[in-house]
Amino acid sequence: MHFSFGRRTFLALASSLMLAGCASMFGPSDTQLSGRFALSLSESDGGQSFSGHYRLNRTREATRLELLSPVYTTVARIEADGNGNNAVLWRGDKEAAKGADIESLIKESFNIALPYKALESWLEGEPAGRDARPKGPNAWSEQGWLVRVLRRNSAGKLTSLALSTDNDDAPVQVRLVLTLER
């Protein structure tokens, strides 16, 4: 089932689903994370961009991710259990979609394979599996995505990451840049 949203909402929701992958990297303790994102979507008939802020609150029981506009108005949110399962996508006060987990929700809703489980490693600046192919210093290709580490802080922790689809034949090309406040 595919849901019909405007382009801008699609960008916001796709961003929030990617960012929700951040939840798994923190282990069992409570987590609060925030940062900025920039997303570009390209299709044969044009493209659009969206940027803003995100806030992630995670406990053992629940994950709540809010996607915010540049002026901090809530655009969309995702709620799921602490492991990213039983995902619900909200637009305003209305439930927009449900999925068994975040990865299947975006696949079913937008027909884009976003590797939610791989994000834990990627957000640490490391490939997620053995199938990763090096693409230069601090870059690799994995699960249909090109991952590039853009910046690390003085302690070596990743602070900025670029993800883009690594398939020129895909109907939609996605580029997402995450900045983590650490």
N, C-alpha and C. Protein backbone atom coordinates (compact mmCIF):
# COMPACT_ATOMS: atom_id res chain seq x y z
N MET A 1 0.84 -1.17 0.00
CA MET A 1 0.00 0.00 0.00
C MET A 1 0.89 1.24 0.00
N HIS A 2 0.60 2.16 -0.87
CA HIS A 2 1.35 3.40 -0.94
C HIS A 2 0.45 4.53 -0.50
N PHE A 3 1.00 5.46 0.27
CA PHE A 3 0.24 6.59 0.76
C PHE A 3 0.58 7.80 -0.07
N SER A 4 -0.37 8.65 -0.28
CA SER A 4 -0.17 9.83 -1.09
C SER A 4 0.09 11.03 -0.19
N PHE A 5 1.27 11.58 -0.29
CA PHE A 5 1.65 12.78 0.44
C PHE A 5 2.25 13.76 -0.55
N GLY A 6 2.27 15.03 -0.19
CA GLY A 6 2.95 16.00 -1.02
C GLY A 6 4.45 15.75 -0.99
N ARG A 7 5.14 16.32 -1.96
CA ARG A 7 6.60 16.14 -2.05
C ARG A 7 7.31 16.54 -0.76
N ARG A 8 6.96 17.69 -0.24
CA ARG A 8 7.63 18.19 0.95
C ARG A 8 7.40 17.25 2.13
N THR A 9 6.19 16.75 2.27
CA THR A 9 5.91 15.81 3.35
C THR A 9 6.66 14.51 3.14
N PHE A 10 6.74 14.06 1.89
CA PHE A 10 7.50 12.85 1.61
C PHE A 10 8.94 13.01 2.07
N LEU A 11 9.54 14.13 1.73
CA LEU A 11 10.92 14.38 2.14
C LEU A 11 11.06 14.35 3.65
N ALA A 12 10.13 14.99 4.32
CA ALA A 12 10.19 15.03 5.78
C ALA A 12 10.05 13.64 6.39
N LEU A 13 9.12 12.88 5.89
CA LEU A 13 8.88 11.55 6.44
C LEU A 13 10.04 10.61 6.14
N ALA A 14 10.58 10.68 4.95
CA ALA A 14 11.72 9.84 4.61
C ALA A 14 12.91 10.17 5.51
N SER A 15 13.11 11.47 5.76
CA SER A 15 14.19 11.88 6.66
C SER A 15 13.99 11.33 8.05
N SER A 16 12.78 11.45 8.54
CA SER A 16 12.53 11.00 9.90
C SER A 16 12.73 9.50 10.02
N LEU A 17 12.38 8.76 9.00
CA LEU A 17 12.59 7.31 9.06
C LEU A 17 14.08 6.97 9.06
N MET A 18 14.85 7.68 8.27
CA MET A 18 16.29 7.43 8.30
C MET A 18 16.86 7.79 9.67
N LEU A 19 16.46 8.92 10.19
CA LEU A 19 16.98 9.36 11.47
C LEU A 19 16.57 8.44 12.60
N ALA A 20 15.45 7.79 12.47
CA ALA A 20 14.99 6.89 13.51
C ALA A 20 15.98 5.76 13.73
N GLY A 21 16.76 5.46 12.74
CA GLY A 21 17.79 4.44 12.90
C GLY A 21 18.80 4.80 13.97
N CYS A 22 18.91 6.08 14.29
CA CYS A 22 19.82 6.51 15.35
C CYS A 22 19.47 5.85 16.67
N ALA A 23 18.22 5.50 16.86
CA ALA A 23 17.78 4.96 18.14
C ALA A 23 18.53 3.71 18.54
N SER A 24 18.86 2.87 17.60
CA SER A 24 19.48 1.59 17.95
C SER A 24 20.93 1.73 18.39
N MET A 25 21.57 2.84 18.09
CA MET A 25 23.00 2.94 18.39
C MET A 25 23.30 3.24 19.85
N PHE A 26 22.31 3.48 20.66
CA PHE A 26 22.57 3.93 22.01
C PHE A 26 22.41 2.86 23.08
N GLY A 27 22.04 1.66 22.72
CA GLY A 27 21.90 0.61 23.71
C GLY A 27 20.67 0.79 24.56
N PRO A 28 20.64 0.11 25.71
CA PRO A 28 19.42 0.05 26.50
C PRO A 28 19.11 1.28 27.34
N SER A 29 20.02 2.21 27.50
CA SER A 29 19.75 3.35 28.37
C SER A 29 18.90 4.40 27.66
N ASP A 30 18.32 5.29 28.48
CA ASP A 30 17.54 6.38 27.91
C ASP A 30 18.44 7.29 27.10
N THR A 31 17.91 7.83 26.01
CA THR A 31 18.71 8.64 25.10
C THR A 31 17.93 9.85 24.64
N GLN A 32 18.62 10.95 24.57
CA GLN A 32 18.09 12.14 23.92
C GLN A 32 19.15 12.61 22.95
N LEU A 33 18.76 12.80 21.71
CA LEU A 33 19.69 13.20 20.67
C LEU A 33 19.02 14.24 19.80
N SER A 34 19.78 15.18 19.33
CA SER A 34 19.25 16.17 18.40
C SER A 34 20.32 16.52 17.39
N GLY A 35 19.88 17.14 16.31
CA GLY A 35 20.82 17.54 15.27
C GLY A 35 20.08 18.16 14.11
N ARG A 36 20.79 18.26 13.00
CA ARG A 36 20.23 18.83 11.78
C ARG A 36 20.28 17.79 10.67
N PHE A 37 19.43 17.98 9.68
CA PHE A 37 19.47 17.13 8.50
C PHE A 37 19.21 17.97 7.26
N ALA A 38 19.70 17.47 6.13
CA ALA A 38 19.41 18.05 4.82
C ALA A 38 19.14 16.88 3.89
N LEU A 39 18.04 16.93 3.17
CA LEU A 39 17.64 15.84 2.31
C LEU A 39 17.34 16.37 0.91
N SER A 40 17.85 15.68 -0.10
CA SER A 40 17.55 16.01 -1.49
C SER A 40 16.97 14.78 -2.15
N LEU A 41 15.97 14.99 -2.97
CA LEU A 41 15.30 13.94 -3.71
C LEU A 41 15.34 14.32 -5.17
N SER A 42 15.84 13.42 -6.01
CA SER A 42 15.92 13.69 -7.45
C SER A 42 15.16 12.62 -8.21
N GLU A 43 14.37 13.06 -9.15
CA GLU A 43 13.66 12.16 -10.06
C GLU A 43 13.87 12.67 -11.47
N SER A 44 13.48 11.87 -12.44
CA SER A 44 13.67 12.28 -13.83
C SER A 44 12.91 13.57 -14.15
N ASP A 45 11.81 13.84 -13.45
CA ASP A 45 11.03 15.04 -13.74
C ASP A 45 11.34 16.19 -12.78
N GLY A 46 12.45 16.12 -12.07
CA GLY A 46 12.85 17.20 -11.18
C GLY A 46 13.23 16.70 -9.80
N GLY A 47 13.28 17.59 -8.86
CA GLY A 47 13.66 17.21 -7.51
C GLY A 47 13.29 18.27 -6.51
N GLN A 48 13.46 17.92 -5.23
CA GLN A 48 13.18 18.86 -4.16
C GLN A 48 14.17 18.63 -3.04
N SER A 49 14.23 19.61 -2.16
CA SER A 49 15.10 19.53 -0.99
C SER A 49 14.32 19.94 0.25
N PHE A 50 14.78 19.43 1.38
CA PHE A 50 14.16 19.76 2.65
C PHE A 50 15.26 19.72 3.70
N SER A 51 15.21 20.64 4.64
CA SER A 51 16.18 20.62 5.73
C SER A 51 15.48 21.03 7.01
N GLY A 52 16.09 20.72 8.11
CA GLY A 52 15.51 21.07 9.39
C GLY A 52 16.28 20.45 10.53
N HIS A 53 15.57 20.21 11.60
CA HIS A 53 16.14 19.68 12.83
C HIS A 53 15.40 18.41 13.21
N TYR A 54 16.02 17.63 14.07
CA TYR A 54 15.34 16.45 14.61
C TYR A 54 15.62 16.33 16.09
N ARG A 55 14.71 15.69 16.78
CA ARG A 55 14.87 15.35 18.20
C ARG A 55 14.48 13.90 18.37
N LEU A 56 15.33 13.16 19.02
CA LEU A 56 15.07 11.75 19.27
C LEU A 56 15.08 11.50 20.77
N ASN A 57 14.01 10.90 21.27
CA ASN A 57 13.93 10.49 22.67
C ASN A 57 13.68 8.99 22.66
N ARG A 58 14.53 8.25 23.34
CA ARG A 58 14.40 6.81 23.35
C ARG A 58 14.56 6.27 24.76
N THR A 59 13.67 5.36 25.11
CA THR A 59 13.79 4.60 26.36
C THR A 59 13.73 3.13 25.97
N ARG A 60 13.83 2.25 26.96
CA ARG A 60 13.71 0.82 26.66
C ARG A 60 12.34 0.51 26.06
N GLU A 61 11.33 1.25 26.46
CA GLU A 61 9.95 0.97 26.05
C GLU A 61 9.54 1.65 24.75
N ALA A 62 10.09 2.82 24.45
CA ALA A 62 9.57 3.59 23.32
C ALA A 62 10.64 4.44 22.65
N THR A 63 10.40 4.68 21.38
CA THR A 63 11.21 5.59 20.58
C THR A 63 10.28 6.65 20.02
N ARG A 64 10.67 7.90 20.16
CA ARG A 64 9.88 9.00 19.59
C ARG A 64 10.86 9.92 18.88
N LEU A 65 10.62 10.09 17.60
CA LEU A 65 11.44 10.95 16.78
C LEU A 65 10.57 12.05 16.22
N GLU A 66 10.99 13.28 16.41
CA GLU A 66 10.27 14.42 15.86
C GLU A 66 11.14 15.05 14.78
N LEU A 67 10.52 15.30 13.65
CA LEU A 67 11.17 16.01 12.57
C LEU A 67 10.63 17.43 12.59
N LEU A 68 11.54 18.40 12.64
CA LEU A 68 11.17 19.80 12.82
C LEU A 68 11.63 20.63 11.63
N SER A 69 10.86 21.64 11.33
CA SER A 69 11.23 22.59 10.27
C SER A 69 12.43 23.41 10.74
N PRO A 70 13.01 24.22 9.85
CA PRO A 70 14.12 25.09 10.26
C PRO A 70 13.76 26.04 11.41
N VAL A 71 12.46 26.35 11.59
CA VAL A 71 12.04 27.22 12.68
C VAL A 71 11.42 26.42 13.83
N TYR A 72 11.73 25.13 13.87
CA TYR A 72 11.37 24.22 14.98
C TYR A 72 9.87 23.93 15.10
N THR A 73 9.12 23.96 14.01
CA THR A 73 7.73 23.48 14.04
C THR A 73 7.74 22.00 13.67
N THR A 74 6.93 21.21 14.35
CA THR A 74 6.90 19.77 14.09
C THR A 74 6.26 19.51 12.73
N VAL A 75 6.98 18.78 11.87
CA VAL A 75 6.51 18.42 10.54
C VAL A 75 5.92 17.00 10.57
N ALA A 76 6.61 16.11 11.25
CA ALA A 76 6.16 14.72 11.34
C ALA A 76 6.83 14.08 12.55
N ARG A 77 6.29 12.94 12.95
CA ARG A 77 6.93 12.20 14.03
C ARG A 77 6.71 10.71 13.82
N ILE A 78 7.61 9.96 14.40
CA ILE A 78 7.51 8.50 14.38
C ILE A 78 7.52 8.03 15.82
N GLU A 79 6.65 7.10 16.10
CA GLU A 79 6.64 6.46 17.41
C GLU A 79 6.76 4.96 17.17
N ALA A 80 7.60 4.31 17.96
CA ALA A 80 7.80 2.86 17.85
C ALA A 80 8.21 2.36 19.22
N ASP A 81 8.31 1.04 19.35
CA ASP A 81 8.81 0.53 20.62
C ASP A 81 10.32 0.78 20.70
N GLY A 82 10.94 0.38 21.78
CA GLY A 82 12.36 0.65 22.00
C GLY A 82 13.29 0.01 20.99
N ASN A 83 12.80 -0.99 20.25
CA ASN A 83 13.61 -1.67 19.24
C ASN A 83 13.27 -1.24 17.81
N GLY A 84 12.40 -0.26 17.66
CA GLY A 84 12.03 0.20 16.33
C GLY A 84 10.90 -0.59 15.70
N ASN A 85 10.24 -1.45 16.46
CA ASN A 85 9.13 -2.25 15.95
C ASN A 85 7.80 -1.54 16.23
N ASN A 86 6.74 -2.02 15.57
CA ASN A 86 5.40 -1.44 15.73
C ASN A 86 5.45 0.07 15.46
N ALA A 87 5.97 0.42 14.31
CA ALA A 87 6.19 1.82 13.96
C ALA A 87 4.91 2.49 13.48
N VAL A 88 4.71 3.73 13.93
CA VAL A 88 3.57 4.54 13.51
C VAL A 88 4.12 5.89 13.06
N LEU A 89 3.68 6.29 11.90
CA LEU A 89 4.08 7.56 11.31
C LEU A 89 2.93 8.54 11.50
N TRP A 90 3.22 9.71 12.06
CA TRP A 90 2.20 10.73 12.33
C TRP A 90 2.50 11.97 11.52
N ARG A 91 1.46 12.56 11.03
CA ARG A 91 1.55 13.86 10.36
C ARG A 91 0.54 14.75 11.07
N GLY A 92 1.03 15.69 11.84
CA GLY A 92 0.14 16.45 12.72
C GLY A 92 -0.42 15.51 13.77
N ASP A 93 -1.72 15.57 14.00
CA ASP A 93 -2.35 14.69 14.96
C ASP A 93 -2.97 13.46 14.31
N LYS A 94 -2.70 13.26 13.03
CA LYS A 94 -3.30 12.15 12.30
C LYS A 94 -2.29 11.05 12.03
N GLU A 95 -2.72 9.83 12.26
CA GLU A 95 -1.89 8.68 11.95
C GLU A 95 -1.82 8.54 10.43
N ALA A 96 -0.61 8.53 9.88
CA ALA A 96 -0.44 8.47 8.43
C ALA A 96 -0.17 7.06 7.93
N ALA A 97 0.54 6.25 8.70
CA ALA A 97 0.87 4.89 8.28
C ALA A 97 1.36 4.09 9.47
N LYS A 98 1.29 2.76 9.32
CA LYS A 98 1.80 1.84 10.33
C LYS A 98 2.65 0.79 9.65
N GLY A 99 3.58 0.23 10.41
CA GLY A 99 4.40 -0.85 9.89
C GLY A 99 4.89 -1.73 11.01
N ALA A 100 5.26 -2.95 10.67
CA ALA A 100 5.79 -3.88 11.66
C ALA A 100 7.06 -3.32 12.29
N ASP A 101 7.84 -2.62 11.48
CA ASP A 101 9.05 -1.95 11.95
C ASP A 101 9.31 -0.76 11.03
N ILE A 102 10.28 0.04 11.38
CA ILE A 102 10.55 1.26 10.64
C ILE A 102 10.97 0.96 9.20
N GLU A 103 11.84 -0.03 9.02
CA GLU A 103 12.33 -0.35 7.68
C GLU A 103 11.20 -0.80 6.76
N SER A 104 10.34 -1.67 7.23
CA SER A 104 9.24 -2.14 6.39
C SER A 104 8.21 -1.03 6.16
N LEU A 105 8.03 -0.15 7.12
CA LEU A 105 7.11 0.97 6.96
C LEU A 105 7.50 1.84 5.78
N ILE A 106 8.76 2.22 5.69
CA ILE A 106 9.17 3.08 4.59
C ILE A 106 9.18 2.32 3.27
N LYS A 107 9.53 1.06 3.29
CA LYS A 107 9.50 0.26 2.05
C LYS A 107 8.08 0.16 1.51
N GLU A 108 7.14 -0.14 2.38
CA GLU A 108 5.74 -0.28 1.96
C GLU A 108 5.12 1.06 1.58
N SER A 109 5.49 2.12 2.28
CA SER A 109 4.87 3.42 2.03
C SER A 109 5.47 4.16 0.85
N PHE A 110 6.80 4.06 0.65
CA PHE A 110 7.48 4.89 -0.33
C PHE A 110 8.31 4.12 -1.34
N ASN A 111 8.35 2.79 -1.21
CA ASN A 111 9.10 1.93 -2.13
C ASN A 111 10.59 2.30 -2.20
N ILE A 112 11.14 2.64 -1.04
CA ILE A 112 12.57 2.91 -0.93
C ILE A 112 13.12 2.01 0.17
N ALA A 113 14.19 1.29 -0.13
CA ALA A 113 14.79 0.39 0.85
C ALA A 113 15.82 1.15 1.68
N LEU A 114 15.42 1.58 2.86
CA LEU A 114 16.32 2.28 3.77
C LEU A 114 16.81 1.29 4.82
N PRO A 115 18.10 1.10 4.95
CA PRO A 115 18.65 0.07 5.83
C PRO A 115 18.71 0.50 7.30
N TYR A 116 17.57 0.50 7.93
CA TYR A 116 17.46 0.91 9.33
C TYR A 116 18.48 0.21 10.23
N LYS A 117 18.63 -1.10 10.07
CA LYS A 117 19.52 -1.87 10.95
C LYS A 117 20.99 -1.50 10.73
N ALA A 118 21.37 -1.07 9.54
CA ALA A 118 22.76 -0.72 9.25
C ALA A 118 23.16 0.63 9.84
N LEU A 119 22.18 1.47 10.14
CA LEU A 119 22.50 2.82 10.60
C LEU A 119 23.32 2.85 11.89
N GLU A 120 23.13 1.86 12.75
CA GLU A 120 23.89 1.85 14.00
C GLU A 120 25.38 1.92 13.71
N SER A 121 25.85 1.07 12.82
CA SER A 121 27.27 1.08 12.46
C SER A 121 27.65 2.33 11.68
N TRP A 122 26.81 2.70 10.73
CA TRP A 122 27.12 3.87 9.91
C TRP A 122 27.26 5.12 10.75
N LEU A 123 26.41 5.27 11.77
CA LEU A 123 26.48 6.46 12.61
C LEU A 123 27.68 6.44 13.56
N GLU A 124 28.35 5.32 13.61
CA GLU A 124 29.63 5.26 14.32
C GLU A 124 30.79 5.42 13.34
N GLY A 125 30.46 5.59 12.04
CA GLY A 125 31.49 5.78 11.02
C GLY A 125 32.10 4.49 10.53
N GLU A 126 31.36 3.38 10.66
CA GLU A 126 31.86 2.06 10.26
C GLU A 126 30.85 1.35 9.37
N PRO A 127 31.32 0.51 8.43
CA PRO A 127 30.39 -0.32 7.66
C PRO A 127 29.64 -1.28 8.57
N ALA A 128 28.46 -1.69 8.14
CA ALA A 128 27.63 -2.58 8.94
C ALA A 128 27.96 -4.06 8.73
N GLY A 129 28.50 -4.42 7.57
CA GLY A 129 28.74 -5.83 7.30
C GLY A 129 29.93 -6.05 6.38
N ARG A 130 30.12 -7.31 6.07
CA ARG A 130 31.26 -7.70 5.22
C ARG A 130 31.06 -7.38 3.75
N ASP A 131 29.83 -7.11 3.35
CA ASP A 131 29.56 -6.84 1.94
C ASP A 131 29.86 -5.40 1.53
N ALA A 132 30.34 -4.58 2.46
CA ALA A 132 30.67 -3.18 2.16
C ALA A 132 31.86 -3.13 1.20
N ARG A 133 31.76 -2.24 0.21
CA ARG A 133 32.84 -2.05 -0.76
C ARG A 133 33.44 -0.66 -0.56
N PRO A 134 34.76 -0.57 -0.34
CA PRO A 134 35.40 0.74 -0.16
C PRO A 134 35.19 1.62 -1.39
N LYS A 135 34.97 2.91 -1.14
CA LYS A 135 34.78 3.89 -2.21
C LYS A 135 35.67 5.11 -1.99
N GLY A 136 36.82 4.90 -1.40
CA GLY A 136 37.73 6.01 -1.11
C GLY A 136 37.87 6.17 0.39
N PRO A 137 38.68 7.15 0.81
CA PRO A 137 38.86 7.36 2.24
C PRO A 137 37.54 7.76 2.91
N ASN A 138 37.23 7.10 4.00
CA ASN A 138 36.02 7.40 4.77
C ASN A 138 34.72 7.25 3.98
N ALA A 139 34.71 6.34 3.02
CA ALA A 139 33.49 6.12 2.23
C ALA A 139 33.40 4.65 1.82
N TRP A 140 32.17 4.16 1.73
CA TRP A 140 31.92 2.80 1.29
C TRP A 140 30.52 2.69 0.71
N SER A 141 30.32 1.62 -0.03
CA SER A 141 29.01 1.32 -0.60
C SER A 141 28.48 0.07 0.09
N GLU A 142 27.22 0.12 0.52
CA GLU A 142 26.65 -1.00 1.25
C GLU A 142 25.13 -0.96 1.16
N GLN A 143 24.53 -2.10 0.90
CA GLN A 143 23.08 -2.26 0.88
C GLN A 143 22.38 -1.23 -0.01
N GLY A 144 23.02 -0.90 -1.13
CA GLY A 144 22.42 0.03 -2.08
C GLY A 144 22.64 1.50 -1.75
N TRP A 145 23.49 1.79 -0.77
CA TRP A 145 23.75 3.17 -0.35
C TRP A 145 25.24 3.46 -0.37
N LEU A 146 25.59 4.68 -0.73
CA LEU A 146 26.95 5.19 -0.61
C LEU A 146 27.00 5.97 0.69
N VAL A 147 27.92 5.61 1.57
CA VAL A 147 28.04 6.22 2.89
C VAL A 147 29.38 6.95 2.96
N ARG A 148 29.33 8.23 3.32
CA ARG A 148 30.56 9.02 3.44
C ARG A 148 30.60 9.72 4.79
N VAL A 149 31.67 9.50 5.52
CA VAL A 149 31.90 10.22 6.78
C VAL A 149 32.45 11.59 6.40
N LEU A 150 31.73 12.63 6.79
CA LEU A 150 32.14 13.99 6.44
C LEU A 150 33.00 14.64 7.51
N ARG A 151 32.65 14.44 8.80
CA ARG A 151 33.41 15.06 9.88
C ARG A 151 33.37 14.19 11.14
N ARG A 152 34.42 14.34 11.92
CA ARG A 152 34.50 13.74 13.25
C ARG A 152 34.94 14.84 14.21
N ASN A 153 34.56 14.69 15.48
CA ASN A 153 35.00 15.68 16.47
C ASN A 153 36.42 15.33 16.94
N SER A 154 36.96 16.11 17.86
CA SER A 154 38.35 15.90 18.32
C SER A 154 38.52 14.55 19.02
N ALA A 155 37.44 13.97 19.53
CA ALA A 155 37.50 12.65 20.17
C ALA A 155 37.34 11.51 19.15
N GLY A 156 37.18 11.87 17.89
CA GLY A 156 37.04 10.86 16.85
C GLY A 156 35.62 10.38 16.60
N LYS A 157 34.64 10.95 17.30
CA LYS A 157 33.23 10.56 17.11
C LYS A 157 32.67 11.25 15.87
N LEU A 158 31.88 10.51 15.12
CA LEU A 158 31.27 11.05 13.92
C LEU A 158 30.32 12.19 14.27
N THR A 159 30.42 13.29 13.53
CA THR A 159 29.50 14.41 13.73
C THR A 159 28.73 14.75 12.47
N SER A 160 29.15 14.23 11.31
CA SER A 160 28.43 14.50 10.07
C SER A 160 28.63 13.33 9.11
N LEU A 161 27.52 12.91 8.50
CA LEU A 161 27.50 11.74 7.64
C LEU A 161 26.63 12.04 6.43
N ALA A 162 27.07 11.61 5.23
CA ALA A 162 26.27 11.76 4.02
C ALA A 162 25.89 10.38 3.51
N LEU A 163 24.62 10.19 3.22
CA LEU A 163 24.10 8.94 2.66
C LEU A 163 23.44 9.27 1.33
N SER A 164 23.69 8.45 0.33
CA SER A 164 23.01 8.63 -0.95
C SER A 164 22.77 7.28 -1.59
N THR A 165 21.69 7.19 -2.36
CA THR A 165 21.41 5.95 -3.05
C THR A 165 22.55 5.67 -4.01
N ASP A 166 22.92 4.40 -4.12
CA ASP A 166 24.08 4.00 -4.92
C ASP A 166 23.61 3.17 -6.12
N ASN A 167 22.54 3.64 -6.76
CA ASN A 167 21.98 2.93 -7.89
C ASN A 167 21.42 3.96 -8.86
N ASP A 168 22.12 4.17 -9.95
CA ASP A 168 21.70 5.19 -10.93
C ASP A 168 20.36 4.85 -11.59
N ASP A 169 19.97 3.57 -11.55
CA ASP A 169 18.72 3.15 -12.17
C ASP A 169 17.51 3.29 -11.26
N ALA A 170 17.72 3.64 -9.99
CA ALA A 170 16.60 3.78 -9.06
C ALA A 170 15.68 4.90 -9.53
N PRO A 171 14.35 4.73 -9.39
CA PRO A 171 13.44 5.77 -9.84
C PRO A 171 13.57 7.07 -9.04
N VAL A 172 14.04 6.97 -7.81
CA VAL A 172 14.22 8.13 -6.96
C VAL A 172 15.64 8.08 -6.40
N GLN A 173 16.38 9.16 -6.57
CA GLN A 173 17.71 9.27 -5.99
C GLN A 173 17.60 10.09 -4.71
N VAL A 174 18.15 9.57 -3.62
CA VAL A 174 18.04 10.21 -2.31
C VAL A 174 19.43 10.57 -1.82
N ARG A 175 19.58 11.76 -1.26
CA ARG A 175 20.82 12.17 -0.60
C ARG A 175 20.45 12.79 0.74
N LEU A 176 21.02 12.26 1.81
CA LEU A 176 20.71 12.71 3.16
C LEU A 176 22.02 13.03 3.88
N VAL A 177 22.10 14.21 4.46
CA VAL A 177 23.26 14.60 5.28
C VAL A 177 22.76 14.80 6.70
N LEU A 178 23.38 14.07 7.63
CA LEU A 178 23.02 14.16 9.05
C LEU A 178 24.14 14.85 9.81
N THR A 179 23.79 15.76 10.67
CA THR A 179 24.74 16.37 11.58
C THR A 179 24.27 16.02 12.99
N LEU A 180 25.15 15.38 13.74
CA LEU A 180 24.82 14.95 15.10
C LEU A 180 25.44 15.93 16.08
N GLU A 181 24.65 16.34 17.06
CA GLU A 181 25.19 17.19 18.12
C GLU A 181 25.71 16.27 19.20
N ARG A 182 27.00 16.26 19.40
CA ARG A 182 27.63 15.37 20.40
C ARG A 182 28.35 16.19 21.43
